Amino acid sequence: MNNLQTQFPHIAIKLNEPLSKYTYTKTGGAADVFVMPKTIEETQEVVAYCHQNKIPLTILGNGSNLIIKDGGIRGVILHLDLLQTIERNNTQIIAMSGAKLIDTAKFALDESLSGLEFACGIPGSIGGALHMNAGAYGGEISDVLEAATVLTQTGELKKLKRSELKAAYRFSTIAEKNYIVLDATFSLALEEKNLIQAKMDELTAAREAKQPLEYPSCGSVFKRPPGHFAGKLIQDSGLQGHIIGGAQVSLKHAGFIVNIGGATATDYMNLIAYVQQTVREKFDVELETEVKIIGEDK
């Protein structure tokens, strides 16, 4: 795998790169090989090379809804953070995979385009948002997603239309087929800028009031179980404030687990398992994780 630096001298590549630098929880081991392509062509080159040489490949976006285990990740990490262009085409916005969802929502505001207000506080990348059909406050990415350019795991380029981009709650065709997002096209509507701003201000205030933004976290840890709210079940189980190592069930919102200092990915995973077990025993409800957990145990 170290041959990648020789094979692709024009692409930024790091060896044994600590991944805690790239996750919102500030936890995680090292990547064997950490690749940062600047263009779609470079991305395609690396994906095809990994496929041809049977090298394990993992895509890393903004690291916001992710726990990387303390043993790190074998093979190649493809970090698409440098693919950040956002453009307007009439009432559509085309954003590349590494663009931040928050920045894309702000771009829409600046262009007086409505539809992405719900995303103004979601701290993910466009690629990650499409992968999990990110949403908040009654809106989801699939509501405004018109098309996407993706790579298959073999490096084949595909253009997907809206009809091919099936989505449900925290699920998408992109995740199902393990596609690598390169860009996304959103269909929006013209609106007065002050009205868009007012909606964003309202959602930002709600987020700041309810969520523990003062600590590192991976966002909402659990999916919403049918007929219940995960945070309410956790709170009613007496788990709010429960600590394992440096990880704590947030005192502000029980659906969040925060790093109160020195937490490891193992602390997070042990606390998640304890919460799931306690809620199962008290309420006979299975809490399924929304956060993605990847990598190797230490």
C-alpha atoms as a PDB file:
ATOM      1  CA  MET A   1       0.000   0.000   0.000  1.00  0.00           C
ATOM      2  CA  ASN A   2       2.904   2.356   0.616  1.00  0.00           C
ATOM      3  CA  ASN A   3       3.361   2.198  -3.163  1.00  0.00           C
ATOM      4  CA  LEU A   4       0.474   4.663  -3.458  1.00  0.00           C
ATOM      5  CA  GLN A   5       2.863   7.561  -2.825  1.00  0.00           C
ATOM      6  CA  THR A   6       4.986   6.390  -5.765  1.00  0.00           C
ATOM      7  CA  GLN A   7       1.952   5.604  -7.917  1.00  0.00           C
ATOM      8  CA  PHE A   8       0.270   8.974  -7.257  1.00  0.00           C
ATOM      9  CA  PRO A   9       2.989  11.587  -6.574  1.00  0.00           C
ATOM     10  CA  HIS A  10       0.524  14.356  -7.540  1.00  0.00           C
ATOM     11  CA  ILE A  11      -1.939  13.431  -4.759  1.00  0.00           C
ATOM     12  CA  ALA A  12      -1.513  14.332  -1.071  1.00  0.00           C
ATOM     13  CA  ILE A  13      -0.969  11.082   0.853  1.00  0.00           C
ATOM     14  CA  LYS A  14      -0.101  10.570   4.541  1.00  0.00           C
ATOM     15  CA  LEU A  15       0.883   7.353   6.317  1.00  0.00           C
ATOM     16  CA  ASN A  16      -0.288   6.350   9.821  1.00  0.00           C
ATOM     17  CA  GLU A  17      -2.428   9.484  10.076  1.00  0.00           C
ATOM     18  CA  PRO A  18      -4.297   9.906  13.420  1.00  0.00           C
ATOM     19  CA  LEU A  19      -8.021   9.970  12.642  1.00  0.00           C
ATOM     20  CA  SER A  20      -9.004  11.679  15.898  1.00  0.00           C
ATOM     21  CA  LYS A  21      -8.093  14.910  14.066  1.00  0.00           C
ATOM     22  CA  TYR A  22     -10.961  14.326  11.636  1.00  0.00           C
ATOM     23  CA  THR A  23     -13.851  13.156  13.850  1.00  0.00           C
ATOM     24  CA  TYR A  24     -16.260  15.318  15.823  1.00  0.00           C
ATOM     25  CA  THR A  25     -15.851  13.048  18.855  1.00  0.00           C
ATOM     26  CA  LYS A  26     -12.052  13.682  18.777  1.00  0.00           C
ATOM     27  CA  THR A  27     -11.522   9.906  19.039  1.00  0.00           C
ATOM     28  CA  GLY A  28     -10.227   7.142  16.769  1.00  0.00           C
ATOM     29  CA  GLY A  29      -7.010   5.344  15.854  1.00  0.00           C
ATOM     30  CA  ALA A  30      -4.788   5.867  12.814  1.00  0.00           C
ATOM     31  CA  ALA A  31      -5.300   5.263   9.095  1.00  0.00           C
ATOM     32  CA  ASP A  32      -2.697   3.104   7.363  1.00  0.00           C
ATOM     33  CA  VAL A  33      -2.886   5.360   4.299  1.00  0.00           C
ATOM     34  CA  PHE A  34      -4.733   8.696   4.215  1.00  0.00           C
ATOM     35  CA  VAL A  35      -5.426  10.087   0.727  1.00  0.00           C
ATOM     36  CA  MET A  36      -6.714  13.608  -0.043  1.00  0.00           C
ATOM     37  CA  PRO A  37      -7.649  13.983  -3.730  1.00  0.00           C
ATOM     38  CA  LYS A  38      -8.188  17.490  -5.108  1.00  0.00           C
ATOM     39  CA  THR A  39     -10.308  16.552  -8.126  1.00  0.00           C
ATOM     40  CA  ILE A  40     -12.888  14.023  -9.289  1.00  0.00           C
ATOM     41  CA  GLU A  41     -10.266  12.565 -11.643  1.00  0.00           C
ATOM     42  CA  GLU A  42      -7.824  11.970  -8.779  1.00  0.00           C
ATOM     43  CA  THR A  43     -10.601  10.383  -6.736  1.00  0.00           C
ATOM     44  CA  GLN A  44     -11.465   8.064  -9.615  1.00  0.00           C
ATOM     45  CA  GLU A  45      -7.790   7.080 -10.052  1.00  0.00           C
ATOM     46  CA  VAL A  46      -7.402   6.072  -6.413  1.00  0.00           C
ATOM     47  CA  VAL A  47     -10.710   4.167  -6.260  1.00  0.00           C
ATOM     48  CA  ALA A  48      -9.862   2.202  -9.419  1.00  0.00           C
ATOM     49  CA  TYR A  49      -6.331   1.445  -8.137  1.00  0.00           C
ATOM     50  CA  CYS A  50      -7.637   0.166  -4.801  1.00  0.00           C
ATOM     51  CA  HIS A  51     -10.181  -2.038  -6.569  1.00  0.00           C
ATOM     52  CA  GLN A  52      -7.601  -3.476  -8.978  1.00  0.00           C
ATOM     53  CA  ASN A  53      -5.144  -4.199  -6.155  1.00  0.00           C
ATOM     54  CA  LYS A  54      -7.772  -5.434  -3.665  1.00  0.00           C
ATOM     55  CA  ILE A  55      -6.884  -2.719  -1.139  1.00  0.00           C
ATOM     56  CA  PRO A  56      -9.631  -1.996   1.428  1.00  0.00           C
ATOM     57  CA  LEU A  57     -11.079   1.484   0.838  1.00  0.00           C
ATOM     58  CA  THR A  58     -12.984   3.663   3.326  1.00  0.00           C
ATOM     59  CA  ILE A  59     -14.516   7.057   2.525  1.00  0.00           C
ATOM     60  CA  LEU A  60     -14.269   9.818   5.124  1.00  0.00           C
ATOM     61  CA  GLY A  61     -16.393  12.939   4.922  1.00  0.00           C
ATOM     62  CA  ASN A  62     -16.640  15.504   7.696  1.00  0.00           C
ATOM     63  CA  GLY A  63     -16.462  12.895  10.471  1.00  0.00           C
ATOM     64  CA  SER A  64     -19.552  14.259  12.207  1.00  0.00           C
ATOM     65  CA  ASN A  65     -21.828  11.208  12.519  1.00  0.00           C
ATOM     66  CA  LEU A  66     -19.023   8.723  12.908  1.00  0.00           C
ATOM     67  CA  ILE A  67     -17.088   6.753  15.508  1.00  0.00           C
ATOM     68  CA  ILE A  68     -13.753   5.314  14.370  1.00  0.00           C
ATOM     69  CA  LYS A  69     -12.528   2.539  16.653  1.00  0.00           C
ATOM     70  CA  ASP A  70      -9.292   2.964  18.605  1.00  0.00           C
ATOM     71  CA  GLY A  71      -7.412   0.442  16.437  1.00  0.00           C
ATOM     72  CA  GLY A  72      -7.850   2.693  13.407  1.00  0.00           C
ATOM     73  CA  ILE A  73      -8.574   1.652   9.830  1.00  0.00           C
ATOM     74  CA  ARG A  74      -6.639  -0.742   7.631  1.00  0.00           C
ATOM     75  CA  GLY A  75      -6.157  -0.016   3.964  1.00  0.00           C
ATOM     76  CA  VAL A  76      -6.831   3.383   2.422  1.00  0.00           C
ATOM     77  CA  ILE A  77      -8.894   6.262   3.799  1.00  0.00           C
ATOM     78  CA  LEU A  78     -10.138   8.552   1.029  1.00  0.00           C
ATOM     79  CA  HIS A  79     -10.807  11.976   2.546  1.00  0.00           C
ATOM     80  CA  LEU A  80     -12.872  14.111   0.162  1.00  0.00           C
ATOM     81  CA  ASP A  81     -12.615  17.346   2.154  1.00  0.00           C
ATOM     82  CA  LEU A  82     -10.815  19.165  -0.689  1.00  0.00           C
ATOM     83  CA  LEU A  83     -13.764  18.694  -3.095  1.00  0.00           C
ATOM     84  CA  GLN A  84     -15.638  21.764  -1.838  1.00  0.00           C
ATOM     85  CA  THR A  85     -16.977  23.709  -4.841  1.00  0.00           C
ATOM     86  CA  ILE A  86     -20.568  25.009  -4.614  1.00  0.00           C
ATOM     87  CA  GLU A  87     -22.215  26.551  -7.706  1.00  0.00           C
ATOM     88  CA  ARG A  88     -25.614  27.858  -8.770  1.00  0.00           C
ATOM     89  CA  ASN A  89     -27.487  26.944 -11.953  1.00  0.00           C
ATOM     90  CA  ASN A  90     -30.799  28.846 -12.118  1.00  0.00           C
ATOM     91  CA  THR A  91     -32.743  27.576  -9.072  1.00  0.00           C
ATOM     92  CA  GLN A  92     -30.455  24.596  -8.602  1.00  0.00           C
ATOM     93  CA  ILE A  93     -27.301  24.306  -6.501  1.00  0.00           C
ATOM     94  CA  ILE A  94     -24.524  21.855  -7.356  1.00  0.00           C
ATOM     95  CA  ALA A  95     -22.288  21.040  -4.385  1.00  0.00           C
ATOM     96  CA  MET A  96     -19.273  18.735  -4.380  1.00  0.00           C
ATOM     97  CA  SER A  97     -18.953  15.874  -1.926  1.00  0.00           C
ATOM     98  CA  GLY A  98     -16.577  17.584   0.502  1.00  0.00           C
ATOM     99  CA  ALA A  99     -18.592  20.791   0.772  1.00  0.00           C
ATOM    100  CA  LYS A 100     -20.078  21.286   4.225  1.00  0.00           C
ATOM    101  CA  LEU A 101     -23.854  21.053   4.465  1.00  0.00           C
ATOM    102  CA  ILE A 102     -23.869  24.213   6.598  1.00  0.00           C
ATOM    103  CA  ASP A 103     -21.888  26.090   3.910  1.00  0.00           C
ATOM    104  CA  THR A 104     -24.258  24.836   1.202  1.00  0.00           C
ATOM    105  CA  ALA A 105     -27.277  26.082   3.175  1.00  0.00           C
ATOM    106  CA  LYS A 106     -25.533  29.450   3.644  1.00  0.00           C
ATOM    107  CA  PHE A 107     -24.788  29.597  -0.107  1.00  0.00           C
ATOM    108  CA  ALA A 108     -28.489  28.980  -0.801  1.00  0.00           C
ATOM    109  CA  LEU A 109     -29.393  31.816   1.584  1.00  0.00           C
ATOM    110  CA  ASP A 110     -26.970  34.186  -0.161  1.00  0.00           C
ATOM    111  CA  GLU A 111     -28.571  33.260  -3.500  1.00  0.00           C
ATOM    112  CA  SER A 112     -32.141  33.731  -2.128  1.00  0.00           C
ATOM    113  CA  LEU A 113     -32.929  30.052  -2.669  1.00  0.00           C
ATOM    114  CA  SER A 114     -35.171  28.224  -0.208  1.00  0.00           C
ATOM    115  CA  GLY A 115     -35.250  24.514   0.654  1.00  0.00           C
ATOM    116  CA  LEU A 116     -32.072  23.896   2.627  1.00  0.00           C
ATOM    117  CA  GLU A 117     -33.002  25.868   5.746  1.00  0.00           C
ATOM    118  CA  PHE A 118     -33.328  22.648   7.772  1.00  0.00           C
ATOM    119  CA  ALA A 119     -29.646  21.910   7.045  1.00  0.00           C
ATOM    120  CA  CYS A 120     -28.257  25.180   8.403  1.00  0.00           C
ATOM    121  CA  GLY A 121     -26.936  23.503  11.554  1.00  0.00           C
ATOM    122  CA  ILE A 122     -26.159  19.953  10.396  1.00  0.00           C
ATOM    123  CA  PRO A 123     -22.368  19.538  10.687  1.00  0.00           C
ATOM    124  CA  GLY A 124     -21.814  17.009   7.907  1.00  0.00           C
ATOM    125  CA  SER A 125     -20.457  16.981   4.378  1.00  0.00           C
ATOM    126  CA  ILE A 126     -22.622  16.710   1.264  1.00  0.00           C
ATOM    127  CA  GLY A 127     -21.357  13.171   0.643  1.00  0.00           C
ATOM    128  CA  GLY A 128     -22.179  12.044   4.163  1.00  0.00           C
ATOM    129  CA  ALA A 129     -25.558  13.783   4.069  1.00  0.00           C
ATOM    130  CA  LEU A 130     -26.557  11.906   0.906  1.00  0.00           C
ATOM    131  CA  HIS A 131     -25.239   8.641   2.291  1.00  0.00           C
ATOM    132  CA  MET A 132     -27.496   8.724   5.361  1.00  0.00           C
ATOM    133  CA  ASN A 133     -30.265  10.999   3.998  1.00  0.00           C
ATOM    134  CA  ALA A 134     -29.475  13.527   6.724  1.00  0.00           C
ATOM    135  CA  GLY A 135     -32.293  15.589   8.136  1.00  0.00           C
ATOM    136  CA  ALA A 136     -33.489  17.788  10.963  1.00  0.00           C
ATOM    137  CA  TYR A 137     -36.574  19.741  12.007  1.00  0.00           C
ATOM    138  CA  GLY A 138     -38.900  18.099   9.495  1.00  0.00           C
ATOM    139  CA  GLY A 139     -36.607  18.330   6.464  1.00  0.00           C
ATOM    140  CA  GLU A 140     -34.446  15.712   4.743  1.00  0.00           C
ATOM    141  CA  ILE A 141     -31.834  15.842   1.992  1.00  0.00           C
ATOM    142  CA  SER A 142     -34.044  13.647  -0.213  1.00  0.00           C
ATOM    143  CA  ASP A 143     -36.719  16.393  -0.192  1.00  0.00           C
ATOM    144  CA  VAL A 144     -34.565  18.633  -2.394  1.00  0.00           C
ATOM    145  CA  LEU A 145     -32.083  16.224  -4.009  1.00  0.00           C
ATOM    146  CA  GLU A 146     -32.460  16.238  -7.793  1.00  0.00           C
ATOM    147  CA  ALA A 147     -29.407  14.261  -8.976  1.00  0.00           C
ATOM    148  CA  ALA A 148     -26.010  12.987  -7.886  1.00  0.00           C
ATOM    149  CA  THR A 149     -22.724  12.023  -9.488  1.00  0.00           C
ATOM    150  CA  VAL A 150     -21.194   8.959  -7.843  1.00  0.00           C
ATOM    151  CA  LEU A 151     -18.398   6.449  -8.250  1.00  0.00           C
ATOM    152  CA  THR A 152     -18.936   2.732  -7.862  1.00  0.00           C
ATOM    153  CA  GLN A 153     -16.398   0.770  -5.821  1.00  0.00           C
ATOM    154  CA  THR A 154     -14.707  -0.184  -9.113  1.00  0.00           C
ATOM    155  CA  GLY A 155     -14.178   3.461 -10.092  1.00  0.00           C
ATOM    156  CA  GLU A 156     -17.022   3.677 -12.630  1.00  0.00           C
ATOM    157  CA  LEU A 157     -18.661   7.117 -12.907  1.00  0.00           C
ATOM    158  CA  LYS A 158     -22.475   7.199 -12.683  1.00  0.00           C
ATOM    159  CA  LYS A 159     -25.031   9.999 -12.933  1.00  0.00           C
ATOM    160  CA  LEU A 160     -28.101   9.212 -10.859  1.00  0.00           C
ATOM    161  CA  LYS A 161     -31.449  10.919 -11.438  1.00  0.00           C
ATOM    162  CA  ARG A 162     -33.971  11.685  -8.702  1.00  0.00           C
ATOM    163  CA  SER A 163     -35.962   8.547  -9.555  1.00  0.00           C
ATOM    164  CA  GLU A 164     -32.857   6.401  -8.922  1.00  0.00           C
ATOM    165  CA  LEU A 165     -32.091   8.011  -5.556  1.00  0.00           C
ATOM    166  CA  LYS A 166     -34.498   6.155  -3.284  1.00  0.00           C
ATOM    167  CA  ALA A 167     -34.373   7.329   0.310  1.00  0.00           C
ATOM    168  CA  ALA A 168     -36.053   6.719   3.651  1.00  0.00           C
ATOM    169  CA  TYR A 169     -35.392   7.671   7.269  1.00  0.00           C
ATOM    170  CA  ARG A 170     -31.566   7.674   7.590  1.00  0.00           C
ATOM    171  CA  PHE A 171     -31.294   5.417   4.514  1.00  0.00           C
ATOM    172  CA  SER A 172     -30.409   5.909   0.851  1.00  0.00           C
ATOM    173  CA  THR A 173     -29.678   3.987  -2.348  1.00  0.00           C
ATOM    174  CA  ILE A 174     -26.183   5.463  -2.100  1.00  0.00           C
ATOM    175  CA  ALA A 175     -25.547   3.685   1.209  1.00  0.00           C
ATOM    176  CA  GLU A 176     -27.209   0.482   0.027  1.00  0.00           C
ATOM    177  CA  LYS A 177     -24.970   0.241  -3.051  1.00  0.00           C
ATOM    178  CA  ASN A 178     -21.892   1.680  -1.303  1.00  0.00           C
ATOM    179  CA  TYR A 179     -21.530   4.450  -3.887  1.00  0.00           C
ATOM    180  CA  ILE A 180     -18.978   7.226  -3.403  1.00  0.00           C
ATOM    181  CA  VAL A 181     -20.629  10.641  -3.775  1.00  0.00           C
ATOM    182  CA  LEU A 182     -18.803  13.174  -5.956  1.00  0.00           C
ATOM    183  CA  ASP A 183     -21.444  15.891  -6.223  1.00  0.00           C
ATOM    184  CA  ALA A 184     -25.132  16.557  -5.650  1.00  0.00           C
ATOM    185  CA  THR A 185     -27.692  18.753  -7.391  1.00  0.00           C
ATOM    186  CA  PHE A 186     -30.436  20.320  -5.269  1.00  0.00           C
ATOM    187  CA  SER A 187     -33.645  21.820  -6.669  1.00  0.00           C
ATOM    188  CA  LEU A 188     -34.655  24.857  -4.631  1.00  0.00           C
ATOM    189  CA  ALA A 189     -37.170  27.707  -4.861  1.00  0.00           C
ATOM    190  CA  LEU A 190     -36.701  31.462  -5.082  1.00  0.00           C
ATOM    191  CA  GLU A 191     -37.625  33.222  -1.852  1.00  0.00           C
ATOM    192  CA  GLU A 192     -36.986  36.530  -0.108  1.00  0.00           C
ATOM    193  CA  LYS A 193     -33.655  36.366   1.672  1.00  0.00           C
ATOM    194  CA  ASN A 194     -35.015  37.800   4.922  1.00  0.00           C
ATOM    195  CA  LEU A 195     -37.621  35.010   5.140  1.00  0.00           C
ATOM    196  CA  ILE A 196     -34.970  32.329   4.607  1.00  0.00           C
ATOM    197  CA  GLN A 197     -32.761  33.995   7.218  1.00  0.00           C
ATOM    198  CA  ALA A 198     -35.631  34.151   9.718  1.00  0.00           C
ATOM    199  CA  LYS A 199     -36.289  30.417   9.341  1.00  0.00           C
ATOM    200  CA  MET A 200     -32.583  29.623   9.761  1.00  0.00           C
ATOM    201  CA  ASP A 201     -32.372  31.830  12.853  1.00  0.00           C
ATOM    202  CA  GLU A 202     -35.355  30.016  14.357  1.00  0.00           C
ATOM    203  CA  LEU A 203     -33.815  26.578  13.730  1.00  0.00           C
ATOM    204  CA  THR A 204     -30.391  27.679  14.984  1.00  0.00           C
ATOM    205  CA  ALA A 205     -31.920  28.961  18.224  1.00  0.00           C
ATOM    206  CA  ALA A 206     -33.777  25.672  18.699  1.00  0.00           C
ATOM    207  CA  ARG A 207     -30.603  23.670  18.069  1.00  0.00           C
ATOM    208  CA  GLU A 208     -28.537  25.765  20.483  1.00  0.00           C
ATOM    209  CA  ALA A 209     -31.205  25.495  23.189  1.00  0.00           C
ATOM    210  CA  LYS A 210     -31.526  21.711  22.980  1.00  0.00           C
ATOM    211  CA  GLN A 211     -28.170  20.318  21.873  1.00  0.00           C
ATOM    212  CA  PRO A 212     -24.830  20.102  23.754  1.00  0.00           C
ATOM    213  CA  LEU A 213     -22.817  22.064  21.205  1.00  0.00           C
ATOM    214  CA  GLU A 214     -20.215  23.016  23.825  1.00  0.00           C
ATOM    215  CA  TYR A 215     -18.727  19.471  23.832  1.00  0.00           C
ATOM    216  CA  PRO A 216     -17.317  17.214  21.088  1.00  0.00           C
ATOM    217  CA  SER A 217     -19.966  14.698  20.035  1.00  0.00           C
ATOM    218  CA  CYS A 218     -21.091  12.637  17.059  1.00  0.00           C
ATOM    219  CA  GLY A 219     -24.538  14.218  17.037  1.00  0.00           C
ATOM    220  CA  SER A 220     -27.668  12.156  17.554  1.00  0.00           C
ATOM    221  CA  VAL A 221     -26.443   8.659  18.474  1.00  0.00           C
ATOM    222  CA  PHE A 222     -29.618   6.613  17.983  1.00  0.00           C
ATOM    223  CA  LYS A 223     -32.314   6.423  15.339  1.00  0.00           C
ATOM    224  CA  ARG A 224     -35.850   7.266  16.402  1.00  0.00           C
ATOM    225  CA  PRO A 225     -37.549   3.956  17.336  1.00  0.00           C
ATOM    226  CA  PRO A 226     -41.134   3.581  16.028  1.00  0.00           C
ATOM    227  CA  GLY A 227     -43.562   5.204  18.447  1.00  0.00           C
ATOM    228  CA  HIS A 228     -40.844   6.581  20.712  1.00  0.00           C
ATOM    229  CA  PHE A 229     -38.117   9.197  21.033  1.00  0.00           C
ATOM    230  CA  ALA A 230     -34.668   7.801  21.819  1.00  0.00           C
ATOM    231  CA  GLY A 231     -33.725  10.723  24.074  1.00  0.00           C
ATOM    232  CA  LYS A 232     -36.914  10.357  26.150  1.00  0.00           C
ATOM    233  CA  LEU A 233     -36.368   6.608  26.617  1.00  0.00           C
ATOM    234  CA  ILE A 234     -32.772   7.210  27.718  1.00  0.00           C
ATOM    235  CA  GLN A 235     -33.836   9.989  30.080  1.00  0.00           C
ATOM    236  CA  ASP A 236     -36.636   7.868  31.565  1.00  0.00           C
ATOM    237  CA  SER A 237     -34.099   5.070  32.096  1.00  0.00           C
ATOM    238  CA  GLY A 238     -32.198   7.356  34.471  1.00  0.00           C
ATOM    239  CA  LEU A 239     -29.149   7.444  32.209  1.00  0.00           C
ATOM    240  CA  GLN A 240     -28.800  11.180  31.671  1.00  0.00           C
ATOM    241  CA  GLY A 241     -25.340  12.163  32.907  1.00  0.00           C
ATOM    242  CA  HIS A 242     -24.087   8.551  33.024  1.00  0.00           C
ATOM    243  CA  ILE A 243     -20.334   8.390  32.381  1.00  0.00           C
ATOM    244  CA  ILE A 244     -18.000   5.684  31.113  1.00  0.00           C
ATOM    245  CA  GLY A 245     -14.400   6.858  30.847  1.00  0.00           C
ATOM    246  CA  GLY A 246     -14.497  10.260  29.163  1.00  0.00           C
ATOM    247  CA  ALA A 247     -17.870   9.698  27.445  1.00  0.00           C
ATOM    248  CA  GLN A 248     -21.101  10.978  28.999  1.00  0.00           C
ATOM    249  CA  VAL A 249     -24.802  10.813  28.161  1.00  0.00           C
ATOM    250  CA  SER A 250     -25.414  14.539  27.724  1.00  0.00           C
ATOM    251  CA  LEU A 251     -27.111  16.384  30.558  1.00  0.00           C
ATOM    252  CA  LYS A 252     -28.619  18.735  27.968  1.00  0.00           C
ATOM    253  CA  HIS A 253     -30.026  16.133  25.544  1.00  0.00           C
ATOM    254  CA  ALA A 254     -30.049  12.426  26.415  1.00  0.00           C
ATOM    255  CA  GLY A 255     -29.883  11.442  22.732  1.00  0.00           C
ATOM    256  CA  PHE A 256     -26.309  12.759  22.576  1.00  0.00           C
ATOM    257  CA  ILE A 257     -23.109  11.269  23.989  1.00  0.00           C
ATOM    258  CA  VAL A 258     -20.388  13.856  24.551  1.00  0.00           C
ATOM    259  CA  ASN A 259     -16.634  13.742  25.109  1.00  0.00           C
ATOM    260  CA  ILE A 260     -16.146  15.482  28.462  1.00  0.00           C
ATOM    261  CA  GLY A 261     -12.383  15.016  28.250  1.00  0.00           C
ATOM    262  CA  GLY A 262     -10.046  12.221  27.174  1.00  0.00           C
ATOM    263  CA  ALA A 263     -12.749   9.903  25.830  1.00  0.00           C
ATOM    264  CA  THR A 264     -11.765   7.017  23.587  1.00  0.00           C
ATOM    265  CA  ALA A 265     -13.867   5.357  20.910  1.00  0.00           C
ATOM    266  CA  THR A 266     -14.063   2.355  23.252  1.00  0.00           C
ATOM    267  CA  ASP A 267     -15.612   4.594  25.941  1.00  0.00           C
ATOM    268  CA  TYR A 268     -18.237   5.687  23.400  1.00  0.00           C
ATOM    269  CA  MET A 269     -18.992   2.138  22.298  1.00  0.00           C
ATOM    270  CA  ASN A 270     -19.212   0.823  25.865  1.00  0.00           C
ATOM    271  CA  LEU A 271     -21.588   3.631  26.828  1.00  0.00           C
ATOM    272  CA  ILE A 272     -23.711   3.064  23.704  1.00  0.00           C
ATOM    273  CA  ALA A 273     -23.963  -0.661  24.536  1.00  0.00           C
ATOM    274  CA  TYR A 274     -24.877   0.123  28.161  1.00  0.00           C
ATOM    275  CA  VAL A 275     -27.610   2.548  27.073  1.00  0.00           C
ATOM    276  CA  GLN A 276     -29.015   0.005  24.598  1.00  0.00           C
ATOM    277  CA  GLN A 277     -29.043  -2.745  27.238  1.00  0.00           C
ATOM    278  CA  THR A 278     -30.689  -0.550  29.888  1.00  0.00           C
ATOM    279  CA  VAL A 279     -33.434   0.724  27.550  1.00  0.00           C
ATOM    280  CA  ARG A 280     -34.047  -2.821  26.312  1.00  0.00           C
ATOM    281  CA  GLU A 281     -34.456  -4.111  29.873  1.00  0.00           C
ATOM    282  CA  LYS A 282     -36.685  -1.226  31.026  1.00  0.00           C
ATOM    283  CA  PHE A 283     -38.875  -0.678  27.972  1.00  0.00           C
ATOM    284  CA  ASP A 284     -38.330  -3.686  25.668  1.00  0.00           C
ATOM    285  CA  VAL A 285     -37.289  -1.267  22.903  1.00  0.00           C
ATOM    286  CA  GLU A 286     -34.237  -1.757  20.676  1.00  0.00           C
ATOM    287  CA  LEU A 287     -32.227   1.416  20.107  1.00  0.00           C
ATOM    288  CA  GLU A 288     -30.530   1.218  16.726  1.00  0.00           C
ATOM    289  CA  THR A 289     -27.477   3.416  16.232  1.00  0.00           C
ATOM    290  CA  GLU A 290     -27.704   6.287  13.777  1.00  0.00           C
ATOM    291  CA  VAL A 291     -24.000   7.005  14.186  1.00  0.00           C
ATOM    292  CA  LYS A 292     -21.771   4.897  11.936  1.00  0.00           C
ATOM    293  CA  ILE A 293     -19.097   2.821  13.713  1.00  0.00           C
ATOM    294  CA  ILE A 294     -16.104   1.669  11.655  1.00  0.00           C
ATOM    295  CA  GLY A 295     -12.528   0.481  12.088  1.00  0.00           C
ATOM    296  CA  GLU A 296     -10.636  -2.066  14.154  1.00  0.00           C
ATOM    297  CA  ASP A 297     -10.564  -2.710  17.893  1.00  0.00           C
ATOM    298  CA  LYS A 298      -7.301  -1.838  19.585  1.00  0.00           C
END
